[in-house]
C-alpha atoms as a PDB file:
ATOM      1  CA  MET A   1     227.221 -21.495 184.862  1.00  0.00           C
ATOM      2  CA  ALA A   2     228.016 -17.931 185.231  1.00  0.00           C
ATOM      3  CA  ASP A   3     230.717 -17.172 187.777  1.00  0.00           C
ATOM      4  CA  GLN A   4     228.870 -15.208 190.826  1.00  0.00           C
ATOM      5  CA  ASN A   5     232.038 -13.540 190.755  1.00  0.00           C
ATOM      6  CA  GLN A   6     230.742 -11.360 187.424  1.00  0.00           C
ATOM      7  CA  LYS A   7     229.380  -8.146 187.479  1.00  0.00           C
ATOM      8  CA  ALA A   8     227.747  -5.904 185.631  1.00  0.00           C
ATOM      9  CA  GLU A   9     230.070  -3.683 183.482  1.00  0.00           C
ATOM     10  CA  ILE A  10     229.851  -1.696 180.302  1.00  0.00           C
ATOM     11  CA  PHE A  11     232.267  -2.511 177.042  1.00  0.00           C
ATOM     12  CA  GLU A  12     233.276  -0.451 173.772  1.00  0.00           C
ATOM     13  CA  LEU A  13     233.077  -1.445 170.327  1.00  0.00           C
ATOM     14  CA  ASN A  14     234.740   1.173 168.328  1.00  0.00           C
ATOM     15  CA  ASN A  15     236.341   1.077 164.686  1.00  0.00           C
ATOM     16  CA  GLY A  16     236.667   5.125 164.745  1.00  0.00           C
ATOM     17  CA  THR A  17     233.702   5.748 163.149  1.00  0.00           C
ATOM     18  CA  MET A  18     231.051   3.508 164.981  1.00  0.00           C
ATOM     19  CA  ARG A  19     231.503   3.446 168.571  1.00  0.00           C
ATOM     20  CA  VAL A  20     229.035   0.877 170.503  1.00  0.00           C
ATOM     21  CA  PHE A  21     228.619   0.405 173.828  1.00  0.00           C
ATOM     22  CA  ILE A  22     227.440  -2.701 175.478  1.00  0.00           C
ATOM     23  CA  THR A  23     226.187  -4.132 179.008  1.00  0.00           C
ATOM     24  CA  ASN A  24     227.200  -8.111 180.237  1.00  0.00           C
ATOM     25  CA  TYR A  25     223.317  -7.328 181.631  1.00  0.00           C
ATOM     26  CA  GLY A  26     221.477  -8.932 179.377  1.00  0.00           C
ATOM     27  CA  CYS A  27     223.744  -8.233 176.114  1.00  0.00           C
ATOM     28  CA  THR A  28     222.284  -5.232 175.788  1.00  0.00           C
ATOM     29  CA  ILE A  29     223.362  -2.770 174.341  1.00  0.00           C
ATOM     30  CA  THR A  30     223.544   0.805 175.967  1.00  0.00           C
ATOM     31  CA  SER A  31     225.070   3.320 173.182  1.00  0.00           C
ATOM     32  CA  LEU A  32     225.487   3.314 170.030  1.00  0.00           C
ATOM     33  CA  SER A  33     226.283   6.194 167.848  1.00  0.00           C
ATOM     34  CA  VAL A  34     227.002   6.620 164.382  1.00  0.00           C
ATOM     35  CA  PRO A  35     227.349   9.655 161.672  1.00  0.00           C
ATOM     36  CA  GLY A  36     224.549  11.486 160.172  1.00  0.00           C
ATOM     37  CA  LYS A  37     224.524  14.024 156.876  1.00  0.00           C
ATOM     38  CA  ASP A  38     226.649  16.277 158.713  1.00  0.00           C
ATOM     39  CA  GLY A  39     229.077  13.978 159.252  1.00  0.00           C
ATOM     40  CA  LYS A  40     228.543  14.294 163.182  1.00  0.00           C
ATOM     41  CA  LEU A  41     228.154  10.925 165.576  1.00  0.00           C
ATOM     42  CA  ALA A  42     224.660  10.452 167.948  1.00  0.00           C
ATOM     43  CA  ASP A  43     223.197   8.160 169.630  1.00  0.00           C
ATOM     44  CA  VAL A  44     220.467   6.286 167.820  1.00  0.00           C
ATOM     45  CA  VAL A  45     219.255   3.808 171.048  1.00  0.00           C
ATOM     46  CA  LEU A  46     217.301   4.468 173.733  1.00  0.00           C
ATOM     47  CA  GLY A  47     218.783   3.801 177.199  1.00  0.00           C
ATOM     48  CA  PHE A  48     220.746   4.567 180.135  1.00  0.00           C
ATOM     49  CA  ASP A  49     224.276   6.243 181.290  1.00  0.00           C
ATOM     50  CA  SER A  50     224.958   2.873 182.950  1.00  0.00           C
ATOM     51  CA  VAL A  51     223.859  -0.266 184.723  1.00  0.00           C
ATOM     52  CA  ASP A  52     221.868   0.792 187.550  1.00  0.00           C
ATOM     53  CA  PRO A  53     218.723   1.696 185.864  1.00  0.00           C
ATOM     54  CA  TYR A  54     218.985  -1.746 184.043  1.00  0.00           C
ATOM     55  CA  MET A  55     219.530  -3.711 187.062  1.00  0.00           C
ATOM     56  CA  GLN A  56     216.932  -1.973 189.147  1.00  0.00           C
ATOM     57  CA  GLY A  57     214.058  -2.555 185.873  1.00  0.00           C
ATOM     58  CA  LEU A  58     213.905   1.063 184.879  1.00  0.00           C
ATOM     59  CA  ALA A  59     214.282  -0.124 181.095  1.00  0.00           C
ATOM     60  CA  PRO A  60     211.151  -1.211 179.208  1.00  0.00           C
ATOM     61  CA  TYR A  61     213.682  -4.121 177.540  1.00  0.00           C
ATOM     62  CA  PHE A  62     215.673  -1.175 176.606  1.00  0.00           C
ATOM     63  CA  GLY A  63     218.534  -2.768 174.690  1.00  0.00           C
ATOM     64  CA  CYS A  64     218.753  -5.577 175.619  1.00  0.00           C
ATOM     65  CA  ILE A  65     218.649  -9.551 174.428  1.00  0.00           C
ATOM     66  CA  VAL A  66     214.990 -11.734 175.661  1.00  0.00           C
ATOM     67  CA  GLY A  67     214.717 -14.967 175.787  1.00  0.00           C
ATOM     68  CA  ARG A  68     213.763 -18.344 177.121  1.00  0.00           C
ATOM     69  CA  VAL A  69     211.075 -16.949 174.073  1.00  0.00           C
ATOM     70  CA  ALA A  70     211.070 -13.303 173.019  1.00  0.00           C
ATOM     71  CA  ASN A  71     207.530 -11.826 172.669  1.00  0.00           C
ATOM     72  CA  ARG A  72     203.915 -13.278 174.664  1.00  0.00           C
ATOM     73  CA  ILE A  73     202.879 -16.924 175.134  1.00  0.00           C
ATOM     74  CA  LYS A  74     199.075 -17.339 175.794  1.00  0.00           C
ATOM     75  CA  ASP A  75     198.087 -17.681 179.338  1.00  0.00           C
ATOM     76  CA  GLY A  76     201.445 -18.633 180.561  1.00  0.00           C
ATOM     77  CA  LYS A  77     201.248 -22.251 179.051  1.00  0.00           C
ATOM     78  CA  PHE A  78     202.287 -24.530 176.550  1.00  0.00           C
ATOM     79  CA  THR A  79     202.473 -28.377 176.061  1.00  0.00           C
ATOM     80  CA  LEU A  80     205.147 -30.231 174.777  1.00  0.00           C
ATOM     81  CA  ASN A  81     205.712 -33.692 174.411  1.00  0.00           C
ATOM     82  CA  GLY A  82     202.635 -34.181 176.501  1.00  0.00           C
ATOM     83  CA  THR A  83     203.927 -32.358 179.286  1.00  0.00           C
ATOM     84  CA  ASP A  84     202.241 -28.993 180.240  1.00  0.00           C
ATOM     85  CA  TYR A  85     204.306 -26.190 181.223  1.00  0.00           C
ATOM     86  CA  SER A  86     203.567 -23.062 183.394  1.00  0.00           C
ATOM     87  CA  LEU A  87     205.232 -19.491 182.862  1.00  0.00           C
ATOM     88  CA  PRO A  88     205.495 -16.773 184.513  1.00  0.00           C
ATOM     89  CA  VAL A  89     202.646 -14.554 184.021  1.00  0.00           C
ATOM     90  CA  ASN A  90     204.831 -11.105 183.941  1.00  0.00           C
ATOM     91  CA  ARG A  91     202.555  -9.187 181.898  1.00  0.00           C
ATOM     92  CA  PRO A  92     198.742 -10.427 182.308  1.00  0.00           C
ATOM     93  CA  PRO A  93     197.312 -12.675 181.210  1.00  0.00           C
ATOM     94  CA  ASN A  94     200.024 -13.580 179.235  1.00  0.00           C
ATOM     95  CA  SER A  95     204.071 -14.097 179.525  1.00  0.00           C
ATOM     96  CA  LEU A  96     206.330 -12.141 177.897  1.00  0.00           C
ATOM     97  CA  HIS A  97     209.695 -12.222 177.127  1.00  0.00           C
ATOM     98  CA  GLY A  98     211.074 -15.039 179.553  1.00  0.00           C
ATOM     99  CA  GLY A  99     209.427 -14.075 182.538  1.00  0.00           C
ATOM    100  CA  HIS A 100     210.084 -12.138 185.613  1.00  0.00           C
ATOM    101  CA  LYS A 101     213.813 -12.779 185.046  1.00  0.00           C
ATOM    102  CA  GLY A 102     214.399 -13.560 181.612  1.00  0.00           C
ATOM    103  CA  TYR A 103     217.888 -13.267 179.389  1.00  0.00           C
ATOM    104  CA  ASP A 104     216.954  -9.857 180.090  1.00  0.00           C
ATOM    105  CA  LYS A 105     218.109  -9.718 183.650  1.00  0.00           C
ATOM    106  CA  GLN A 106     220.974 -11.853 183.757  1.00  0.00           C
ATOM    107  CA  ILE A 107     224.697 -10.884 184.163  1.00  0.00           C
ATOM    108  CA  TRP A 108     226.269 -13.336 181.349  1.00  0.00           C
ATOM    109  CA  GLU A 109     230.044 -14.111 181.452  1.00  0.00           C
ATOM    110  CA  VAL A 110     232.406 -12.079 179.011  1.00  0.00           C
ATOM    111  CA  ALA A 111     233.813 -14.704 176.532  1.00  0.00           C
ATOM    112  CA  GLU A 112     236.021 -12.548 174.217  1.00  0.00           C
ATOM    113  CA  HIS A 113     236.439  -9.152 173.819  1.00  0.00           C
ATOM    114  CA  LYS A 114     238.568  -7.697 170.988  1.00  0.00           C
ATOM    115  CA  LYS A 115     239.269  -4.783 170.102  1.00  0.00           C
ATOM    116  CA  GLY A 116     240.219  -2.889 166.597  1.00  0.00           C
ATOM    117  CA  ASP A 117     238.258  -2.086 163.163  1.00  0.00           C
ATOM    118  CA  ASN A 118     236.344  -5.429 163.474  1.00  0.00           C
ATOM    119  CA  GLY A 119     235.901  -5.302 167.526  1.00  0.00           C
ATOM    120  CA  SER A 120     233.333  -8.039 168.319  1.00  0.00           C
ATOM    121  CA  ILE A 121     232.332  -8.974 172.160  1.00  0.00           C
ATOM    122  CA  THR A 122     231.008 -12.744 172.755  1.00  0.00           C
ATOM    123  CA  PHE A 123     228.569 -13.117 175.859  1.00  0.00           C
ATOM    124  CA  LYS A 124     227.986 -16.199 176.998  1.00  0.00           C
ATOM    125  CA  TYR A 125     224.792 -17.952 179.538  1.00  0.00           C
ATOM    126  CA  HIS A 126     224.047 -21.590 180.811  1.00  0.00           C
ATOM    127  CA  SER A 127     220.016 -21.264 181.101  1.00  0.00           C
ATOM    128  CA  ARG A 128     219.461 -24.439 183.770  1.00  0.00           C
ATOM    129  CA  ASP A 129     216.427 -26.748 183.246  1.00  0.00           C
ATOM    130  CA  GLY A 130     212.882 -24.954 184.950  1.00  0.00           C
ATOM    131  CA  GLU A 131     214.260 -21.726 184.534  1.00  0.00           C
ATOM    132  CA  GLU A 132     211.179 -19.508 184.709  1.00  0.00           C
ATOM    133  CA  GLY A 133     209.347 -22.455 183.888  1.00  0.00           C
ATOM    134  CA  TYR A 134     211.503 -23.727 180.952  1.00  0.00           C
ATOM    135  CA  PRO A 135     212.083 -27.261 179.840  1.00  0.00           C
ATOM    136  CA  GLY A 136     215.950 -28.562 179.574  1.00  0.00           C
ATOM    137  CA  ASN A 137     219.285 -26.772 180.115  1.00  0.00           C
ATOM    138  CA  LEU A 138     220.201 -24.287 177.736  1.00  0.00           C
ATOM    139  CA  SER A 139     223.788 -22.884 176.543  1.00  0.00           C
ATOM    140  CA  LEU A 140     223.948 -19.804 174.880  1.00  0.00           C
ATOM    141  CA  THR A 141     226.313 -17.231 173.312  1.00  0.00           C
ATOM    142  CA  ALA A 142     225.818 -14.376 171.921  1.00  0.00           C
ATOM    143  CA  THR A 143     228.087 -12.158 169.900  1.00  0.00           C
ATOM    144  CA  TYR A 144     228.361  -7.931 168.378  1.00  0.00           C
ATOM    145  CA  THR A 145     230.615  -7.466 165.636  1.00  0.00           C
ATOM    146  CA  LEU A 146     231.531  -4.086 164.099  1.00  0.00           C
ATOM    147  CA  THR A 147     231.395  -5.982 160.778  1.00  0.00           C
ATOM    148  CA  SER A 148     232.744  -2.422 158.846  1.00  0.00           C
ATOM    149  CA  THR A 149     232.801   1.152 159.475  1.00  0.00           C
ATOM    150  CA  THR A 150     228.797   1.501 160.038  1.00  0.00           C
ATOM    151  CA  SER A 151     227.680  -2.088 160.406  1.00  0.00           C
ATOM    152  CA  MET A 152     227.477  -3.877 163.609  1.00  0.00           C
ATOM    153  CA  ARG A 153     225.770  -7.915 163.082  1.00  0.00           C
ATOM    154  CA  LEU A 154     224.904 -10.342 166.336  1.00  0.00           C
ATOM    155  CA  ASP A 155     224.963 -13.911 165.953  1.00  0.00           C
ATOM    156  CA  MET A 156     223.230 -16.226 168.826  1.00  0.00           C
ATOM    157  CA  GLU A 157     223.439 -19.615 169.268  1.00  0.00           C
ATOM    158  CA  ALA A 158     221.526 -21.527 171.605  1.00  0.00           C
ATOM    159  CA  VAL A 159     222.150 -25.756 172.655  1.00  0.00           C
ATOM    160  CA  PRO A 160     219.336 -27.720 174.278  1.00  0.00           C
ATOM    161  CA  GLU A 161     221.687 -29.938 176.067  1.00  0.00           C
ATOM    162  CA  ASN A 162     219.451 -32.307 177.804  1.00  0.00           C
ATOM    163  CA  LYS A 163     215.443 -31.832 176.934  1.00  0.00           C
ATOM    164  CA  PRO A 164     213.673 -30.225 173.951  1.00  0.00           C
ATOM    165  CA  THR A 165     212.570 -26.610 174.575  1.00  0.00           C
ATOM    166  CA  PRO A 166     210.849 -23.947 172.730  1.00  0.00           C
ATOM    167  CA  VAL A 167     213.433 -21.276 171.745  1.00  0.00           C
ATOM    168  CA  SER A 168     213.120 -17.862 170.636  1.00  0.00           C
ATOM    169  CA  LEU A 169     216.175 -14.860 171.310  1.00  0.00           C
ATOM    170  CA  ALA A 170     215.054 -11.691 170.265  1.00  0.00           C
ATOM    171  CA  GLN A 171     217.119  -7.895 170.424  1.00  0.00           C
ATOM    172  CA  HIS A 172     215.067  -5.480 171.661  1.00  0.00           C
ATOM    173  CA  THR A 173     216.775  -1.833 170.776  1.00  0.00           C
ATOM    174  CA  TYR A 174     214.834   0.988 170.882  1.00  0.00           C
ATOM    175  CA  TRP A 175     215.628   2.996 167.734  1.00  0.00           C
ATOM    176  CA  ASN A 176     216.179   6.601 167.134  1.00  0.00           C
ATOM    177  CA  LEU A 177     217.927   7.302 164.410  1.00  0.00           C
ATOM    178  CA  ALA A 178     217.506  11.508 164.738  1.00  0.00           C
ATOM    179  CA  GLY A 179     219.392  10.657 168.313  1.00  0.00           C
ATOM    180  CA  HIS A 180     217.911   8.846 171.333  1.00  0.00           C
ATOM    181  CA  ASN A 181     216.924  12.659 172.692  1.00  0.00           C
ATOM    182  CA  SER A 182     215.232  13.729 169.548  1.00  0.00           C
ATOM    183  CA  GLY A 183     211.652  12.984 170.519  1.00  0.00           C
ATOM    184  CA  SER A 184     208.949  10.623 168.823  1.00  0.00           C
ATOM    185  CA  ILE A 185     209.609   8.183 165.794  1.00  0.00           C
ATOM    186  CA  LEU A 186     206.709   9.225 164.524  1.00  0.00           C
ATOM    187  CA  ASP A 187     208.242  11.082 161.212  1.00  0.00           C
ATOM    188  CA  HIS A 188     210.946   8.325 160.485  1.00  0.00           C
ATOM    189  CA  ALA A 189     210.226   6.284 156.766  1.00  0.00           C
ATOM    190  CA  ILE A 190     209.954   2.589 157.009  1.00  0.00           C
ATOM    191  CA  GLN A 191     210.256   0.090 154.392  1.00  0.00           C
ATOM    192  CA  ILE A 192     209.508  -3.685 156.045  1.00  0.00           C
ATOM    193  CA  TRP A 193     209.820  -6.918 153.518  1.00  0.00           C
ATOM    194  CA  ALA A 194     206.717  -8.553 154.868  1.00  0.00           C
ATOM    195  CA  ASN A 195     203.557  -8.859 152.535  1.00  0.00           C
ATOM    196  CA  HIS A 196     201.898 -10.499 156.058  1.00  0.00           C
ATOM    197  CA  VAL A 197     201.423  -9.780 159.079  1.00  0.00           C
ATOM    198  CA  THR A 198     200.028 -12.097 162.223  1.00  0.00           C
ATOM    199  CA  PRO A 199     196.886 -10.281 163.515  1.00  0.00           C
ATOM    200  CA  VAL A 200     196.617  -9.950 167.475  1.00  0.00           C
ATOM    201  CA  ASP A 201     193.490 -10.829 169.963  1.00  0.00           C
ATOM    202  CA  GLU A 202     192.752  -7.665 172.429  1.00  0.00           C
ATOM    203  CA  ASN A 203     195.542  -9.319 175.015  1.00  0.00           C
ATOM    204  CA  THR A 204     197.976  -8.480 171.676  1.00  0.00           C
ATOM    205  CA  VAL A 205     198.137 -12.867 171.069  1.00  0.00           C
ATOM    206  CA  PRO A 206     198.587 -13.726 167.637  1.00  0.00           C
ATOM    207  CA  THR A 207     195.092 -15.314 167.222  1.00  0.00           C
ATOM    208  CA  GLY A 208     196.608 -17.590 164.528  1.00  0.00           C
ATOM    209  CA  GLU A 209     195.952 -15.703 161.215  1.00  0.00           C
ATOM    210  CA  ILE A 210     198.306 -14.842 158.766  1.00  0.00           C
ATOM    211  CA  LYS A 211     196.652 -12.141 157.006  1.00  0.00           C
ATOM    212  CA  PRO A 212     198.026  -9.829 153.738  1.00  0.00           C
ATOM    213  CA  VAL A 213     199.011  -6.518 154.865  1.00  0.00           C
ATOM    214  CA  LYS A 214     197.686  -5.009 151.217  1.00  0.00           C
ATOM    215  CA  GLY A 215     195.498  -2.348 151.797  1.00  0.00           C
ATOM    216  CA  THR A 216     195.589  -2.216 155.434  1.00  0.00           C
ATOM    217  CA  PRO A 217     197.211  -0.168 157.939  1.00  0.00           C
ATOM    218  CA  PHE A 218     200.106  -3.109 158.316  1.00  0.00           C
ATOM    219  CA  ASP A 219     201.428  -2.129 154.998  1.00  0.00           C
ATOM    220  CA  PHE A 220     204.926  -1.277 154.425  1.00  0.00           C
ATOM    221  CA  THR A 221     206.013  -3.073 151.344  1.00  0.00           C
ATOM    222  CA  ALA A 222     206.697   0.303 149.782  1.00  0.00           C
ATOM    223  CA  GLN A 223     208.688   2.803 152.215  1.00  0.00           C
ATOM    224  CA  LYS A 224     205.705   4.689 154.462  1.00  0.00           C
ATOM    225  CA  ARG A 225     205.659   7.037 157.435  1.00  0.00           C
ATOM    226  CA  ILE A 226     204.925   5.536 160.576  1.00  0.00           C
ATOM    227  CA  GLY A 227     202.636   8.434 161.539  1.00  0.00           C
ATOM    228  CA  GLU A 228     200.917   8.518 158.309  1.00  0.00           C
ATOM    229  CA  SER A 229     198.219   5.247 159.576  1.00  0.00           C
ATOM    230  CA  ILE A 230     199.013   4.640 163.295  1.00  0.00           C
ATOM    231  CA  HIS A 231     196.227   6.312 164.685  1.00  0.00           C
ATOM    232  CA  GLU A 232     194.166   3.349 162.633  1.00  0.00           C
ATOM    233  CA  VAL A 233     195.931   0.689 164.920  1.00  0.00           C
ATOM    234  CA  GLY A 234     194.698   1.954 168.295  1.00  0.00           C
ATOM    235  CA  ILE A 235     198.179   2.883 170.369  1.00  0.00           C
ATOM    236  CA  GLY A 236     200.438   1.953 167.965  1.00  0.00           C
ATOM    237  CA  TYR A 237     202.506  -0.899 165.823  1.00  0.00           C
ATOM    238  CA  ASP A 238     203.324  -4.196 168.069  1.00  0.00           C
ATOM    239  CA  HIS A 239     202.787  -6.844 165.961  1.00  0.00           C
ATOM    240  CA  ASN A 240     204.364  -9.605 163.954  1.00  0.00           C
ATOM    241  CA  TYR A 241     205.531  -9.081 160.429  1.00  0.00           C
ATOM    242  CA  VAL A 242     205.995 -12.387 158.552  1.00  0.00           C
ATOM    243  CA  LEU A 243     209.420 -11.701 156.705  1.00  0.00           C
ATOM    244  CA  ASP A 244     208.612 -13.660 153.084  1.00  0.00           C
ATOM    245  CA  CYS A 245     209.499 -11.183 150.683  1.00  0.00           C
ATOM    246  CA  GLY A 246     213.087  -9.337 151.012  1.00  0.00           C
ATOM    247  CA  GLU A 247     216.073 -10.125 148.904  1.00  0.00           C
ATOM    248  CA  GLU A 248     219.178 -12.303 150.618  1.00  0.00           C
ATOM    249  CA  LYS A 249     222.160 -11.473 151.588  1.00  0.00           C
ATOM    250  CA  GLU A 250     224.655 -13.907 153.247  1.00  0.00           C
ATOM    251  CA  GLY A 251     221.836 -15.945 154.298  1.00  0.00           C
ATOM    252  CA  LEU A 252     220.017 -13.169 155.756  1.00  0.00           C
ATOM    253  CA  LYS A 253     216.834 -11.801 154.188  1.00  0.00           C
ATOM    254  CA  HIS A 254     216.386  -8.083 154.111  1.00  0.00           C
ATOM    255  CA  ALA A 255     213.757  -7.421 157.154  1.00  0.00           C
ATOM    256  CA  ALA A 256     213.398  -3.786 156.837  1.00  0.00           C
ATOM    257  CA  ARG A 257     214.762  -0.118 156.185  1.00  0.00           C
ATOM    258  CA  VAL A 258     214.100   2.480 158.300  1.00  0.00           C
ATOM    259  CA  ARG A 259     215.115   6.322 157.564  1.00  0.00           C
ATOM    260  CA  ASP A 260     215.211   9.354 159.757  1.00  0.00           C
ATOM    261  CA  PRO A 261     214.801  12.585 157.577  1.00  0.00           C
ATOM    262  CA  SER A 262     216.211  15.201 159.681  1.00  0.00           C
ATOM    263  CA  SER A 263     219.599  13.738 159.570  1.00  0.00           C
ATOM    264  CA  SER A 264     219.511  11.385 156.755  1.00  0.00           C
ATOM    265  CA  ARG A 265     220.331   8.361 158.917  1.00  0.00           C
ATOM    266  CA  VAL A 266     219.160   4.798 157.119  1.00  0.00           C
ATOM    267  CA  LEU A 267     219.360   2.275 158.846  1.00  0.00           C
ATOM    268  CA  ASN A 268     218.353  -1.411 156.568  1.00  0.00           C
ATOM    269  CA  LEU A 269     218.160  -5.014 158.893  1.00  0.00           C
ATOM    270  CA  TRP A 270     218.627  -8.994 158.059  1.00  0.00           C
ATOM    271  CA  SER A 271     218.121 -11.278 159.603  1.00  0.00           C
ATOM    272  CA  ASN A 272     217.514 -14.419 159.206  1.00  0.00           C
ATOM    273  CA  ALA A 273     214.201 -15.280 161.480  1.00  0.00           C
ATOM    274  CA  PRO A 274     210.534 -16.148 160.025  1.00  0.00           C
ATOM    275  CA  GLY A 275     209.019 -12.794 161.704  1.00  0.00           C
ATOM    276  CA  MET A 276     210.158  -9.524 163.012  1.00  0.00           C
ATOM    277  CA  GLN A 277     208.090  -7.255 165.968  1.00  0.00           C
ATOM    278  CA  PHE A 278     207.552  -3.909 164.685  1.00  0.00           C
ATOM    279  CA  TYR A 279     206.821  -2.263 167.879  1.00  0.00           C
ATOM    280  CA  THR A 280     206.242   1.959 168.297  1.00  0.00           C
ATOM    281  CA  GLY A 281     207.103   2.467 171.388  1.00  0.00           C
ATOM    282  CA  ASN A 282     203.600   2.593 172.805  1.00  0.00           C
ATOM    283  CA  TYR A 283     204.120   2.641 176.083  1.00  0.00           C
ATOM    284  CA  VAL A 284     206.783   4.052 176.725  1.00  0.00           C
ATOM    285  CA  ASN A 285     206.157   7.012 179.484  1.00  0.00           C
ATOM    286  CA  GLU A 286     208.325   9.582 180.627  1.00  0.00           C
ATOM    287  CA  VAL A 287     211.232   7.186 181.046  1.00  0.00           C
ATOM    288  CA  VAL A 288     214.719   9.523 182.148  1.00  0.00           C
ATOM    289  CA  GLY A 289     217.471   7.930 180.358  1.00  0.00           C
ATOM    290  CA  LYS A 290     221.222   9.194 178.786  1.00  0.00           C
ATOM    291  CA  GLY A 291     222.046  12.690 179.836  1.00  0.00           C
ATOM    292  CA  GLY A 292     218.465  13.288 181.237  1.00  0.00           C
ATOM    293  CA  ALA A 293     216.653  12.783 178.509  1.00  0.00           C
ATOM    294  CA  VAL A 294     213.078  12.173 178.875  1.00  0.00           C
ATOM    295  CA  TYR A 295     211.314   9.465 176.228  1.00  0.00           C
ATOM    296  CA  GLY A 296     208.101   9.555 176.074  1.00  0.00           C
ATOM    297  CA  LYS A 297     205.254   7.631 173.966  1.00  0.00           C
ATOM    298  CA  HIS A 298     206.883   6.200 170.232  1.00  0.00           C
ATOM    299  CA  ALA A 299     210.612   7.550 171.496  1.00  0.00           C
ATOM    300  CA  GLY A 300     211.978   5.116 170.023  1.00  0.00           C
ATOM    301  CA  LEU A 301     210.818   1.775 167.034  1.00  0.00           C
ATOM    302  CA  CYS A 302     212.261  -1.589 168.133  1.00  0.00           C
ATOM    303  CA  LEU A 303     212.638  -4.075 165.182  1.00  0.00           C
ATOM    304  CA  GLU A 304     213.108  -7.232 166.845  1.00  0.00           C
ATOM    305  CA  THR A 305     213.224 -10.104 164.504  1.00  0.00           C
ATOM    306  CA  GLN A 306     212.097 -13.708 166.405  1.00  0.00           C
ATOM    307  CA  GLY A 307     210.115 -16.850 165.677  1.00  0.00           C
ATOM    308  CA  PHE A 308     206.349 -15.464 165.505  1.00  0.00           C
ATOM    309  CA  PRO A 309     205.373 -14.793 169.048  1.00  0.00           C
ATOM    310  CA  ASN A 310     202.284 -17.344 170.785  1.00  0.00           C
ATOM    311  CA  ALA A 311     204.245 -20.143 168.205  1.00  0.00           C
ATOM    312  CA  ILE A 312     204.644 -22.920 170.939  1.00  0.00           C
ATOM    313  CA  ASN A 313     200.535 -23.029 171.224  1.00  0.00           C
ATOM    314  CA  THR A 314     200.016 -22.644 167.333  1.00  0.00           C
ATOM    315  CA  PRO A 315     200.396 -25.337 165.497  1.00  0.00           C
ATOM    316  CA  ASN A 316     200.635 -23.380 161.836  1.00  0.00           C
ATOM    317  CA  PHE A 317     203.319 -21.368 163.072  1.00  0.00           C
ATOM    318  CA  PRO A 318     207.052 -22.435 161.984  1.00  0.00           C
ATOM    319  CA  SER A 319     208.097 -24.310 165.103  1.00  0.00           C
ATOM    320  CA  ILE A 320     210.588 -22.970 167.881  1.00  0.00           C
ATOM    321  CA  VAL A 321     211.017 -25.777 169.033  1.00  0.00           C
ATOM    322  CA  VAL A 322     214.937 -26.835 169.268  1.00  0.00           C
ATOM    323  CA  GLN A 323     216.636 -30.727 169.872  1.00  0.00           C
ATOM    324  CA  PRO A 324     219.012 -31.474 172.049  1.00  0.00           C
ATOM    325  CA  GLY A 325     222.038 -32.256 169.566  1.00  0.00           C
ATOM    326  CA  GLU A 326     220.513 -29.447 167.738  1.00  0.00           C
ATOM    327  CA  LYS A 327     221.379 -25.647 167.090  1.00  0.00           C
ATOM    328  CA  TYR A 328     219.055 -22.488 167.488  1.00  0.00           C
ATOM    329  CA  ARG A 329     220.743 -19.921 165.146  1.00  0.00           C
ATOM    330  CA  HIS A 330     219.475 -16.187 164.605  1.00  0.00           C
ATOM    331  CA  SER A 331     222.007 -13.936 163.199  1.00  0.00           C
ATOM    332  CA  MET A 332     221.004  -9.796 162.831  1.00  0.00           C
ATOM    333  CA  LEU A 333     222.971  -7.435 160.706  1.00  0.00           C
ATOM    334  CA  PHE A 334     222.316  -3.493 161.466  1.00  0.00           C
ATOM    335  CA  GLU A 335     224.175  -1.872 158.104  1.00  0.00           C
ATOM    336  CA  PHE A 336     223.876   2.517 158.550  1.00  0.00           C
ATOM    337  CA  SER A 337     224.162   4.585 156.046  1.00  0.00           C
ATOM    338  CA  VAL A 338     224.020   8.061 155.197  1.00  0.00           C
ATOM    339  CA  GLU A 339     221.259   8.511 152.377  1.00  0.00           C
END
């Protein structure tokens, strides 16, 4: 179990070009600075200056790792091996991102912190049987590593100890490549390596269908300005994309490429997860963040690689159930450049 004496702190990874601050409260990236076309560093993630606002619940999942199951579980219910489970309905009528006190609201143990050019930090957490309604004990680790001057990798692992359990972790950073305090991301261009999307009902839960994006406002198979068709999808994008057509590198698929025209910053994201929630910060509402910056609607975008939402209740989606003795592995590579 995590040492009860552990306190929430912020740790730094810095290789001279890229600077990242991460807290053990929710494994949360609070700041990530990379150079733009002018060579100047800018912090490209939404967040707060200290751990206190996160602990006070002021962040709409800024920068954290969410689980045991990311995204929505319909009506907060599922059945596994004949046993019915009820979860907290924290985003009525569904359970969202692990419940009232998911992994984003836990203090993780700092297992290792290495400084230097390939600096890394490893966090551990022990999730007990019945926590937020989920079955079985689960041992988790998450390691952030600076893999080059302008890239960072996240490796998440989870091992069920005594019962089969659904596991689907996601990293929930809100990106704004122009700088966290620069306003809307609607002028960013994005390409998503997904030929299909999972349509949702009125409560943002997938219907179970898997539909082609071609000819719809969800088509980002070629680079497109985020704001171009956003008015056609209600309040904005909040949809799971099926990562089915990206090239592979080191066992990871190309998931997305985002470019900000003002700074020329580019983020390429690679992952081994089957899906990715593309979310355009539709519910961010006048949150006062770092340096007094005020974050409004569309102030950041999320690229949450994940198992499909509500997969535990949707037999035709890839299974998110992990058996005791098996290991859940989810890796993401964030590559920054200027183009």
